[in-house]
């Protein structure tokens, strides 16, 4: 297990060096994470908003660090590709950040992002966000960097101050976080296409873009994002929104017709079982199946 974790972190570092940009769709549970991996993406992003929804809460910082780590542990445990997880604000001050880093690292996550919102936070694409002072944010980033045991564990510094203090201050905070030792900068919710394209030029280090359709940022072609110089693009809401939409559709059909609707894409039970890992576990079952007489 330990060797697998280290290899995933080293693999992520290598991908960041050798590929121009990694696209990581978001997942909030193991089934969706498997789908992302099976689709051939180089890594998975554990969405905080999706995880909150899975617990029945809005993305208002209501889910605890322990609950987020438990979810990350389940997802990381079934993946062969790296997992990056949303760690919100680090769930408190710099001491909480230290424990947050240690816990996410312990369960096999390849990297986390920590933001500068006031705790408890809000979804990055909602109005009414508040951010902490820059000095307090930098202390948290330094604590996160020093807390990690594996040098390949990725610390991503996220700033949510674009809508609060403006774009220039967001760039300043991103650069300050990189100077404090963060491995990557995440300027959340740029509000124009020009801002999106200029971030990798203005921020003096690797950058991550959050691609949220219908959020504060305009829709953007990932080819353009790649050419702009981003190293990671996360797509956190794609599967969450799709699951909700399809579920509401088939539930309405069931209620209206009193007949079991056809599965989307004519999916068979065998295909469904494959997506849940049946093949791997059937192989193990057959390997250890007893063949003595009478069994």
C-alpha atoms as a PDB file:
ATOM      1  CA  UNK A   1       0.000   0.000   0.000  1.00  0.00           C
ATOM      2  CA  UNK A   2       2.734   2.444   0.973  1.00  0.00           C
ATOM      3  CA  UNK A   3       4.661   1.723  -2.242  1.00  0.00           C
ATOM      4  CA  UNK A   4       1.523   2.284  -4.326  1.00  0.00           C
ATOM      5  CA  UNK A   5       0.879   5.629  -2.634  1.00  0.00           C
ATOM      6  CA  UNK A   6       4.426   6.832  -3.190  1.00  0.00           C
ATOM      7  CA  UNK A   7       4.325   5.694  -6.813  1.00  0.00           C
ATOM      8  CA  UNK A   8       1.101   7.608  -7.450  1.00  0.00           C
ATOM      9  CA  UNK A   9       2.593  10.785  -6.030  1.00  0.00           C
ATOM     10  CA  UNK A  10       5.786  10.339  -8.017  1.00  0.00           C
ATOM     11  CA  UNK A  11       3.679   9.597 -11.105  1.00  0.00           C
ATOM     12  CA  UNK A  12       1.776  12.854 -10.660  1.00  0.00           C
ATOM     13  CA  UNK A  13       5.020  14.802 -10.341  1.00  0.00           C
ATOM     14  CA  UNK A  14       6.332  13.119 -13.471  1.00  0.00           C
ATOM     15  CA  UNK A  15       3.144  13.860 -15.412  1.00  0.00           C
ATOM     16  CA  UNK A  16       3.369  17.514 -14.444  1.00  0.00           C
ATOM     17  CA  UNK A  17       6.897  17.590 -15.834  1.00  0.00           C
ATOM     18  CA  UNK A  18       6.267  15.656 -19.029  1.00  0.00           C
ATOM     19  CA  UNK A  19       2.726  16.625 -20.109  1.00  0.00           C
ATOM     20  CA  UNK A  20       1.534  20.071 -21.046  1.00  0.00           C
ATOM     21  CA  UNK A  21      -1.716  19.901 -19.008  1.00  0.00           C
ATOM     22  CA  UNK A  22      -3.588  17.302 -16.996  1.00  0.00           C
ATOM     23  CA  UNK A  23      -7.395  17.219 -17.139  1.00  0.00           C
ATOM     24  CA  UNK A  24      -8.901  15.768 -13.955  1.00  0.00           C
ATOM     25  CA  UNK A  25     -12.693  15.336 -13.793  1.00  0.00           C
ATOM     26  CA  UNK A  26     -14.233  15.480 -10.352  1.00  0.00           C
ATOM     27  CA  UNK A  27     -15.725  12.559  -8.422  1.00  0.00           C
ATOM     28  CA  UNK A  28     -17.409  12.367  -5.046  1.00  0.00           C
ATOM     29  CA  UNK A  29     -17.466   8.578  -4.639  1.00  0.00           C
ATOM     30  CA  UNK A  30     -15.673   5.445  -5.761  1.00  0.00           C
ATOM     31  CA  UNK A  31     -18.024   4.577  -8.631  1.00  0.00           C
ATOM     32  CA  UNK A  32     -17.508   7.927 -10.329  1.00  0.00           C
ATOM     33  CA  UNK A  33     -13.777   7.803  -9.617  1.00  0.00           C
ATOM     34  CA  UNK A  34     -13.588   4.422 -11.373  1.00  0.00           C
ATOM     35  CA  UNK A  35     -15.386   5.887 -14.375  1.00  0.00           C
ATOM     36  CA  UNK A  36     -12.860   8.715 -14.614  1.00  0.00           C
ATOM     37  CA  UNK A  37      -9.980   6.259 -14.423  1.00  0.00           C
ATOM     38  CA  UNK A  38     -11.560   3.868 -16.964  1.00  0.00           C
ATOM     39  CA  UNK A  39     -12.104   6.778 -19.351  1.00  0.00           C
ATOM     40  CA  UNK A  40      -8.331   7.234 -19.489  1.00  0.00           C
ATOM     41  CA  UNK A  41      -7.838  10.463 -17.580  1.00  0.00           C
ATOM     42  CA  UNK A  42      -4.455  10.778 -15.815  1.00  0.00           C
ATOM     43  CA  UNK A  43      -5.914  11.539 -12.403  1.00  0.00           C
ATOM     44  CA  UNK A  44      -9.070  12.160 -10.395  1.00  0.00           C
ATOM     45  CA  UNK A  45     -10.156  15.217  -8.433  1.00  0.00           C
ATOM     46  CA  UNK A  46     -12.184  14.679  -5.253  1.00  0.00           C
ATOM     47  CA  UNK A  47     -14.652  17.544  -5.354  1.00  0.00           C
ATOM     48  CA  UNK A  48     -15.464  19.177  -2.046  1.00  0.00           C
ATOM     49  CA  UNK A  49     -18.835  20.401  -3.271  1.00  0.00           C
ATOM     50  CA  UNK A  50     -19.727  16.916  -4.481  1.00  0.00           C
ATOM     51  CA  UNK A  51     -18.546  15.368  -1.229  1.00  0.00           C
ATOM     52  CA  UNK A  52     -20.679  17.849   0.720  1.00  0.00           C
ATOM     53  CA  UNK A  53     -23.656  16.943  -1.449  1.00  0.00           C
ATOM     54  CA  UNK A  54     -22.993  13.265  -0.806  1.00  0.00           C
ATOM     55  CA  UNK A  55     -23.394  13.956   2.908  1.00  0.00           C
ATOM     56  CA  UNK A  56     -26.600  15.891   2.207  1.00  0.00           C
ATOM     57  CA  UNK A  57     -25.188  19.397   2.733  1.00  0.00           C
ATOM     58  CA  UNK A  58     -24.538  22.435   0.546  1.00  0.00           C
ATOM     59  CA  UNK A  59     -20.941  23.521  -0.080  1.00  0.00           C
ATOM     60  CA  UNK A  60     -20.838  25.773   2.991  1.00  0.00           C
ATOM     61  CA  UNK A  61     -17.984  24.153   4.897  1.00  0.00           C
ATOM     62  CA  UNK A  62     -20.371  21.943   6.858  1.00  0.00           C
ATOM     63  CA  UNK A  63     -18.459  18.728   6.219  1.00  0.00           C
ATOM     64  CA  UNK A  64     -15.614  18.140   8.670  1.00  0.00           C
ATOM     65  CA  UNK A  65     -11.974  17.385   7.946  1.00  0.00           C
ATOM     66  CA  UNK A  66     -12.478  13.827   9.212  1.00  0.00           C
ATOM     67  CA  UNK A  67     -15.386  13.248   6.843  1.00  0.00           C
ATOM     68  CA  UNK A  68     -13.461  14.669   3.875  1.00  0.00           C
ATOM     69  CA  UNK A  69     -10.428  12.501   4.655  1.00  0.00           C
ATOM     70  CA  UNK A  70     -12.610   9.401   5.021  1.00  0.00           C
ATOM     71  CA  UNK A  71     -14.097   9.994   1.590  1.00  0.00           C
ATOM     72  CA  UNK A  72     -10.659  10.628   0.089  1.00  0.00           C
ATOM     73  CA  UNK A  73      -9.390   7.429   1.694  1.00  0.00           C
ATOM     74  CA  UNK A  74     -12.118   5.347   0.068  1.00  0.00           C
ATOM     75  CA  UNK A  75     -11.517   6.876  -3.360  1.00  0.00           C
ATOM     76  CA  UNK A  76      -7.718   6.736  -3.233  1.00  0.00           C
ATOM     77  CA  UNK A  77      -7.897   3.130  -2.103  1.00  0.00           C
ATOM     78  CA  UNK A  78      -9.502   1.892  -5.341  1.00  0.00           C
ATOM     79  CA  UNK A  79      -7.537   3.999  -7.832  1.00  0.00           C
ATOM     80  CA  UNK A  80      -4.344   3.309  -9.720  1.00  0.00           C
ATOM     81  CA  UNK A  81      -4.073   6.950 -10.832  1.00  0.00           C
ATOM     82  CA  UNK A  82      -3.325   9.939  -8.543  1.00  0.00           C
ATOM     83  CA  UNK A  83      -6.058  11.647  -6.540  1.00  0.00           C
ATOM     84  CA  UNK A  84      -6.058  15.367  -5.766  1.00  0.00           C
ATOM     85  CA  UNK A  85      -8.483  16.352  -2.994  1.00  0.00           C
ATOM     86  CA  UNK A  86     -10.221  19.535  -1.928  1.00  0.00           C
ATOM     87  CA  UNK A  87      -9.053  20.386   1.596  1.00  0.00           C
ATOM     88  CA  UNK A  88     -11.107  23.585   1.916  1.00  0.00           C
ATOM     89  CA  UNK A  89      -9.373  26.083   4.238  1.00  0.00           C
ATOM     90  CA  UNK A  90      -7.384  23.405   6.038  1.00  0.00           C
ATOM     91  CA  UNK A  91     -10.304  23.420   8.496  1.00  0.00           C
ATOM     92  CA  UNK A  92      -9.009  26.121  10.827  1.00  0.00           C
ATOM     93  CA  UNK A  93      -5.734  27.850  11.573  1.00  0.00           C
ATOM     94  CA  UNK A  94      -2.175  26.741  10.802  1.00  0.00           C
ATOM     95  CA  UNK A  95      -2.323  23.982  13.438  1.00  0.00           C
ATOM     96  CA  UNK A  96      -5.435  22.545  11.825  1.00  0.00           C
ATOM     97  CA  UNK A  97      -3.673  22.774   8.467  1.00  0.00           C
ATOM     98  CA  UNK A  98      -0.783  20.665   9.780  1.00  0.00           C
ATOM     99  CA  UNK A  99      -3.143  17.902  10.867  1.00  0.00           C
ATOM    100  CA  UNK A 100      -5.104  18.195   7.602  1.00  0.00           C
ATOM    101  CA  UNK A 101      -1.968  17.650   5.518  1.00  0.00           C
ATOM    102  CA  UNK A 102      -0.875  14.704   7.630  1.00  0.00           C
ATOM    103  CA  UNK A 103      -4.282  13.030   7.434  1.00  0.00           C
ATOM    104  CA  UNK A 104      -4.732  13.411   3.662  1.00  0.00           C
ATOM    105  CA  UNK A 105      -1.172  12.241   3.093  1.00  0.00           C
ATOM    106  CA  UNK A 106      -1.676   9.232   5.366  1.00  0.00           C
ATOM    107  CA  UNK A 107      -4.652   7.894   3.368  1.00  0.00           C
ATOM    108  CA  UNK A 108      -2.908   7.979  -0.007  1.00  0.00           C
ATOM    109  CA  UNK A 109      -3.941  11.269  -1.579  1.00  0.00           C
ATOM    110  CA  UNK A 110      -1.384  12.661  -4.047  1.00  0.00           C
ATOM    111  CA  UNK A 111      -2.104  16.326  -3.314  1.00  0.00           C
ATOM    112  CA  UNK A 112      -4.550  18.817  -1.808  1.00  0.00           C
ATOM    113  CA  UNK A 113      -5.505  22.451  -2.252  1.00  0.00           C
ATOM    114  CA  UNK A 114      -5.933  24.866   0.639  1.00  0.00           C
ATOM    115  CA  UNK A 115      -7.673  28.213   0.252  1.00  0.00           C
ATOM    116  CA  UNK A 116      -7.680  31.655   1.866  1.00  0.00           C
ATOM    117  CA  UNK A 117     -11.384  31.900   2.689  1.00  0.00           C
ATOM    118  CA  UNK A 118     -12.626  32.537   6.200  1.00  0.00           C
ATOM    119  CA  UNK A 119     -13.574  29.270   7.905  1.00  0.00           C
ATOM    120  CA  UNK A 120     -16.185  27.933   7.276  1.00  0.00           C
ATOM    121  CA  UNK A 121     -15.887  28.541   3.539  1.00  0.00           C
ATOM    122  CA  UNK A 122     -18.334  28.708   0.635  1.00  0.00           C
ATOM    123  CA  UNK A 123     -18.271  27.255  -2.841  1.00  0.00           C
ATOM    124  CA  UNK A 124     -15.798  29.298  -4.878  1.00  0.00           C
ATOM    125  CA  UNK A 125     -18.460  30.282  -7.408  1.00  0.00           C
ATOM    126  CA  UNK A 126     -20.960  31.645  -4.886  1.00  0.00           C
ATOM    127  CA  UNK A 127     -21.365  35.290  -3.882  1.00  0.00           C
ATOM    128  CA  UNK A 128     -20.565  36.608  -0.418  1.00  0.00           C
ATOM    129  CA  UNK A 129     -17.186  35.005   0.165  1.00  0.00           C
ATOM    130  CA  UNK A 130     -14.785  36.377   2.778  1.00  0.00           C
ATOM    131  CA  UNK A 131     -11.019  35.910   2.839  1.00  0.00           C
ATOM    132  CA  UNK A 132      -8.435  36.023   5.590  1.00  0.00           C
ATOM    133  CA  UNK A 133      -5.499  38.438   5.686  1.00  0.00           C
ATOM    134  CA  UNK A 134      -2.606  37.631   3.363  1.00  0.00           C
ATOM    135  CA  UNK A 135      -0.154  37.193   6.247  1.00  0.00           C
ATOM    136  CA  UNK A 136      -2.456  34.640   7.895  1.00  0.00           C
ATOM    137  CA  UNK A 137      -2.839  32.792   4.595  1.00  0.00           C
ATOM    138  CA  UNK A 138       0.905  32.582   4.019  1.00  0.00           C
ATOM    139  CA  UNK A 139       1.422  31.180   7.519  1.00  0.00           C
ATOM    140  CA  UNK A 140      -1.041  28.403   6.661  1.00  0.00           C
ATOM    141  CA  UNK A 141       0.729  27.640   3.384  1.00  0.00           C
ATOM    142  CA  UNK A 142       4.114  27.481   5.127  1.00  0.00           C
ATOM    143  CA  UNK A 143       2.645  25.152   7.736  1.00  0.00           C
ATOM    144  CA  UNK A 144       1.211  22.916   5.012  1.00  0.00           C
ATOM    145  CA  UNK A 145       4.528  22.708   3.168  1.00  0.00           C
ATOM    146  CA  UNK A 146       6.470  21.864   6.325  1.00  0.00           C
ATOM    147  CA  UNK A 147       3.876  19.332   7.519  1.00  0.00           C
ATOM    148  CA  UNK A 148       4.139  16.948   4.588  1.00  0.00           C
ATOM    149  CA  UNK A 149       6.326  13.876   4.977  1.00  0.00           C
ATOM    150  CA  UNK A 150       6.552  12.886   1.298  1.00  0.00           C
ATOM    151  CA  UNK A 151       8.283  15.574  -0.813  1.00  0.00           C
ATOM    152  CA  UNK A 152       6.140  14.504  -3.787  1.00  0.00           C
ATOM    153  CA  UNK A 153       2.889  15.301  -1.941  1.00  0.00           C
ATOM    154  CA  UNK A 154       1.458  18.286  -3.832  1.00  0.00           C
ATOM    155  CA  UNK A 155       0.472  21.457  -1.942  1.00  0.00           C
ATOM    156  CA  UNK A 156      -1.780  23.631  -4.116  1.00  0.00           C
ATOM    157  CA  UNK A 157      -2.442  27.152  -2.840  1.00  0.00           C
ATOM    158  CA  UNK A 158      -5.897  28.397  -3.753  1.00  0.00           C
ATOM    159  CA  UNK A 159      -6.976  32.017  -3.460  1.00  0.00           C
ATOM    160  CA  UNK A 160     -10.638  33.038  -3.529  1.00  0.00           C
ATOM    161  CA  UNK A 161     -10.012  36.768  -3.311  1.00  0.00           C
ATOM    162  CA  UNK A 162     -10.784  37.635  -6.958  1.00  0.00           C
ATOM    163  CA  UNK A 163     -14.404  38.542  -6.191  1.00  0.00           C
ATOM    164  CA  UNK A 164     -13.498  40.160  -2.860  1.00  0.00           C
ATOM    165  CA  UNK A 165     -10.276  42.123  -3.419  1.00  0.00           C
ATOM    166  CA  UNK A 166      -9.854  42.046  -7.199  1.00  0.00           C
ATOM    167  CA  UNK A 167      -7.811  40.237  -9.813  1.00  0.00           C
ATOM    168  CA  UNK A 168      -4.480  41.957  -9.123  1.00  0.00           C
ATOM    169  CA  UNK A 169      -4.626  41.005  -5.448  1.00  0.00           C
ATOM    170  CA  UNK A 170      -5.489  37.435  -6.399  1.00  0.00           C
ATOM    171  CA  UNK A 171      -2.378  37.271  -8.570  1.00  0.00           C
ATOM    172  CA  UNK A 172      -0.314  38.783  -5.736  1.00  0.00           C
ATOM    173  CA  UNK A 173      -1.582  36.169  -3.283  1.00  0.00           C
ATOM    174  CA  UNK A 174      -0.901  33.333  -5.722  1.00  0.00           C
ATOM    175  CA  UNK A 175       2.690  34.470  -6.161  1.00  0.00           C
ATOM    176  CA  UNK A 176       3.151  34.976  -2.425  1.00  0.00           C
ATOM    177  CA  UNK A 177       1.940  31.424  -1.790  1.00  0.00           C
ATOM    178  CA  UNK A 178       4.404  30.044  -4.336  1.00  0.00           C
ATOM    179  CA  UNK A 179       7.168  32.036  -2.665  1.00  0.00           C
ATOM    180  CA  UNK A 180       6.113  30.409   0.628  1.00  0.00           C
ATOM    181  CA  UNK A 181       6.738  26.959  -0.829  1.00  0.00           C
ATOM    182  CA  UNK A 182       3.460  25.933  -2.467  1.00  0.00           C
ATOM    183  CA  UNK A 183       3.904  23.637  -5.463  1.00  0.00           C
ATOM    184  CA  UNK A 184       1.098  25.123  -7.535  1.00  0.00           C
ATOM    185  CA  UNK A 185      -1.257  28.117  -7.555  1.00  0.00           C
ATOM    186  CA  UNK A 186      -5.035  27.965  -7.953  1.00  0.00           C
ATOM    187  CA  UNK A 187      -6.633  31.340  -8.671  1.00  0.00           C
ATOM    188  CA  UNK A 188     -10.303  30.584  -8.202  1.00  0.00           C
ATOM    189  CA  UNK A 189     -13.086  32.064 -10.341  1.00  0.00           C
ATOM    190  CA  UNK A 190     -11.413  34.507 -12.763  1.00  0.00           C
ATOM    191  CA  UNK A 191     -14.269  36.501 -14.232  1.00  0.00           C
ATOM    192  CA  UNK A 192     -13.275  37.109 -17.853  1.00  0.00           C
ATOM    193  CA  UNK A 193     -11.648  35.109 -20.620  1.00  0.00           C
ATOM    194  CA  UNK A 194      -8.769  37.593 -20.577  1.00  0.00           C
ATOM    195  CA  UNK A 195      -8.186  36.923 -16.888  1.00  0.00           C
ATOM    196  CA  UNK A 196      -8.218  33.159 -17.429  1.00  0.00           C
ATOM    197  CA  UNK A 197      -5.653  33.381 -20.215  1.00  0.00           C
ATOM    198  CA  UNK A 198      -3.382  35.801 -18.344  1.00  0.00           C
ATOM    199  CA  UNK A 199      -3.059  33.872 -15.068  1.00  0.00           C
ATOM    200  CA  UNK A 200      -0.210  31.552 -16.181  1.00  0.00           C
ATOM    201  CA  UNK A 201       1.702  34.579 -17.470  1.00  0.00           C
ATOM    202  CA  UNK A 202       1.275  36.629 -14.305  1.00  0.00           C
ATOM    203  CA  UNK A 203       1.681  33.850 -11.744  1.00  0.00           C
ATOM    204  CA  UNK A 204       5.294  32.735 -11.410  1.00  0.00           C
ATOM    205  CA  UNK A 205       4.746  29.015 -11.154  1.00  0.00           C
ATOM    206  CA  UNK A 206       2.479  26.111 -12.174  1.00  0.00           C
ATOM    207  CA  UNK A 207      -1.231  26.968 -12.257  1.00  0.00           C
ATOM    208  CA  UNK A 208      -4.497  25.055 -11.848  1.00  0.00           C
ATOM    209  CA  UNK A 209      -7.810  26.142 -13.389  1.00  0.00           C
ATOM    210  CA  UNK A 210     -11.222  25.199 -12.030  1.00  0.00           C
ATOM    211  CA  UNK A 211     -13.578  24.630 -14.982  1.00  0.00           C
ATOM    212  CA  UNK A 212     -17.144  25.148 -13.739  1.00  0.00           C
ATOM    213  CA  UNK A 213     -19.846  25.513 -16.368  1.00  0.00           C
ATOM    214  CA  UNK A 214     -22.341  28.203 -15.346  1.00  0.00           C
ATOM    215  CA  UNK A 215     -20.120  29.552 -12.555  1.00  0.00           C
ATOM    216  CA  UNK A 216     -18.426  32.934 -12.198  1.00  0.00           C
ATOM    217  CA  UNK A 217     -15.887  32.124 -14.914  1.00  0.00           C
ATOM    218  CA  UNK A 218     -16.879  32.114 -18.597  1.00  0.00           C
ATOM    219  CA  UNK A 219     -16.985  28.855 -20.521  1.00  0.00           C
ATOM    220  CA  UNK A 220     -13.611  28.103 -22.043  1.00  0.00           C
ATOM    221  CA  UNK A 221     -12.181  25.567 -24.467  1.00  0.00           C
ATOM    222  CA  UNK A 222      -9.646  23.321 -22.743  1.00  0.00           C
ATOM    223  CA  UNK A 223      -7.438  23.545 -25.833  1.00  0.00           C
ATOM    224  CA  UNK A 224      -7.122  27.277 -25.163  1.00  0.00           C
ATOM    225  CA  UNK A 225      -6.473  26.632 -21.476  1.00  0.00           C
ATOM    226  CA  UNK A 226      -3.713  24.196 -22.420  1.00  0.00           C
ATOM    227  CA  UNK A 227      -2.116  26.710 -24.788  1.00  0.00           C
ATOM    228  CA  UNK A 228      -2.297  29.392 -22.091  1.00  0.00           C
ATOM    229  CA  UNK A 229       0.084  27.316 -19.973  1.00  0.00           C
ATOM    230  CA  UNK A 230      -2.025  25.794 -17.197  1.00  0.00           C
ATOM    231  CA  UNK A 231      -0.674  22.529 -15.743  1.00  0.00           C
ATOM    232  CA  UNK A 232      -3.939  21.115 -14.347  1.00  0.00           C
ATOM    233  CA  UNK A 233      -7.594  21.683 -15.235  1.00  0.00           C
ATOM    234  CA  UNK A 234     -10.108  20.210 -12.811  1.00  0.00           C
ATOM    235  CA  UNK A 235     -13.716  19.691 -13.926  1.00  0.00           C
ATOM    236  CA  UNK A 236     -15.469  19.140 -10.593  1.00  0.00           C
ATOM    237  CA  UNK A 237     -19.178  19.446 -11.410  1.00  0.00           C
ATOM    238  CA  UNK A 238     -19.407  17.531 -14.692  1.00  0.00           C
ATOM    239  CA  UNK A 239     -20.299  14.141 -13.244  1.00  0.00           C
ATOM    240  CA  UNK A 240     -22.213  15.485 -10.242  1.00  0.00           C
ATOM    241  CA  UNK A 241     -24.556  17.556 -12.402  1.00  0.00           C
ATOM    242  CA  UNK A 242     -24.898  14.714 -14.920  1.00  0.00           C
ATOM    243  CA  UNK A 243     -25.828  12.184 -12.221  1.00  0.00           C
ATOM    244  CA  UNK A 244     -28.469  14.505 -10.756  1.00  0.00           C
ATOM    245  CA  UNK A 245     -29.917  15.267 -14.194  1.00  0.00           C
ATOM    246  CA  UNK A 246     -30.164  11.636 -15.299  1.00  0.00           C
ATOM    247  CA  UNK A 247     -31.561  10.503 -11.937  1.00  0.00           C
ATOM    248  CA  UNK A 248     -34.307  13.121 -11.978  1.00  0.00           C
ATOM    249  CA  UNK A 249     -35.179  12.149 -15.545  1.00  0.00           C
ATOM    250  CA  UNK A 250     -35.541   8.411 -14.921  1.00  0.00           C
ATOM    251  CA  UNK A 251     -37.356   8.929 -11.611  1.00  0.00           C
ATOM    252  CA  UNK A 252     -39.909  11.146 -13.319  1.00  0.00           C
ATOM    253  CA  UNK A 253     -40.358   8.524 -16.037  1.00  0.00           C
ATOM    254  CA  UNK A 254     -40.833   5.731 -13.481  1.00  0.00           C
ATOM    255  CA  UNK A 255     -43.440   7.730 -11.595  1.00  0.00           C
ATOM    256  CA  UNK A 256     -45.255   8.734 -14.781  1.00  0.00           C
ATOM    257  CA  UNK A 257     -45.296   5.364 -16.564  1.00  0.00           C
ATOM    258  CA  UNK A 258     -45.169   2.772 -13.745  1.00  0.00           C
ATOM    259  CA  UNK A 259     -42.559   0.960 -15.837  1.00  0.00           C
ATOM    260  CA  UNK A 260     -38.841   0.517 -15.242  1.00  0.00           C
ATOM    261  CA  UNK A 261     -37.139   3.010 -17.586  1.00  0.00           C
ATOM    262  CA  UNK A 262     -34.419   1.842 -19.934  1.00  0.00           C
ATOM    263  CA  UNK A 263     -30.942   2.440 -18.571  1.00  0.00           C
ATOM    264  CA  UNK A 264     -29.102   5.409 -20.129  1.00  0.00           C
ATOM    265  CA  UNK A 265     -27.025   4.323 -23.145  1.00  0.00           C
ATOM    266  CA  UNK A 266     -28.745   0.900 -22.963  1.00  0.00           C
ATOM    267  CA  UNK A 267     -26.326  -0.100 -20.223  1.00  0.00           C
ATOM    268  CA  UNK A 268     -26.482  -3.780 -19.280  1.00  0.00           C
ATOM    269  CA  UNK A 269     -26.175  -5.262 -15.810  1.00  0.00           C
ATOM    270  CA  UNK A 270     -22.855  -6.826 -16.842  1.00  0.00           C
ATOM    271  CA  UNK A 271     -21.494  -3.435 -17.857  1.00  0.00           C
ATOM    272  CA  UNK A 272     -22.713  -1.935 -14.597  1.00  0.00           C
ATOM    273  CA  UNK A 273     -20.974  -4.666 -12.615  1.00  0.00           C
ATOM    274  CA  UNK A 274     -17.736  -4.113 -14.538  1.00  0.00           C
ATOM    275  CA  UNK A 275     -17.802  -0.449 -13.564  1.00  0.00           C
ATOM    276  CA  UNK A 276     -18.039  -1.497  -9.917  1.00  0.00           C
ATOM    277  CA  UNK A 277     -14.919  -3.658 -10.077  1.00  0.00           C
ATOM    278  CA  UNK A 278     -16.515  -7.097 -10.385  1.00  0.00           C
ATOM    279  CA  UNK A 279     -13.833  -8.367 -12.775  1.00  0.00           C
ATOM    280  CA  UNK A 280     -11.005  -7.695 -10.326  1.00  0.00           C
ATOM    281  CA  UNK A 281     -12.806  -9.330  -7.409  1.00  0.00           C
ATOM    282  CA  UNK A 282     -14.087 -12.293  -9.434  1.00  0.00           C
ATOM    283  CA  UNK A 283     -10.493 -13.027 -10.429  1.00  0.00           C
ATOM    284  CA  UNK A 284      -9.485 -13.053  -6.778  1.00  0.00           C
ATOM    285  CA  UNK A 285     -12.480 -15.176  -5.791  1.00  0.00           C
ATOM    286  CA  UNK A 286     -11.602 -17.791  -8.417  1.00  0.00           C
ATOM    287  CA  UNK A 287      -7.944 -17.779  -7.391  1.00  0.00           C
ATOM    288  CA  UNK A 288      -8.758 -18.681  -3.799  1.00  0.00           C
ATOM    289  CA  UNK A 289     -11.855 -20.788  -4.438  1.00  0.00           C
ATOM    290  CA  UNK A 290     -11.633 -24.188  -2.761  1.00  0.00           C
ATOM    291  CA  UNK A 291     -12.098 -27.259  -4.956  1.00  0.00           C
ATOM    292  CA  UNK A 292     -12.210 -30.018  -2.347  1.00  0.00           C
ATOM    293  CA  UNK A 293     -14.944 -32.668  -2.783  1.00  0.00           C
ATOM    294  CA  UNK A 294     -18.234 -31.625  -1.302  1.00  0.00           C
ATOM    295  CA  UNK A 295     -17.693 -27.896  -1.737  1.00  0.00           C
END
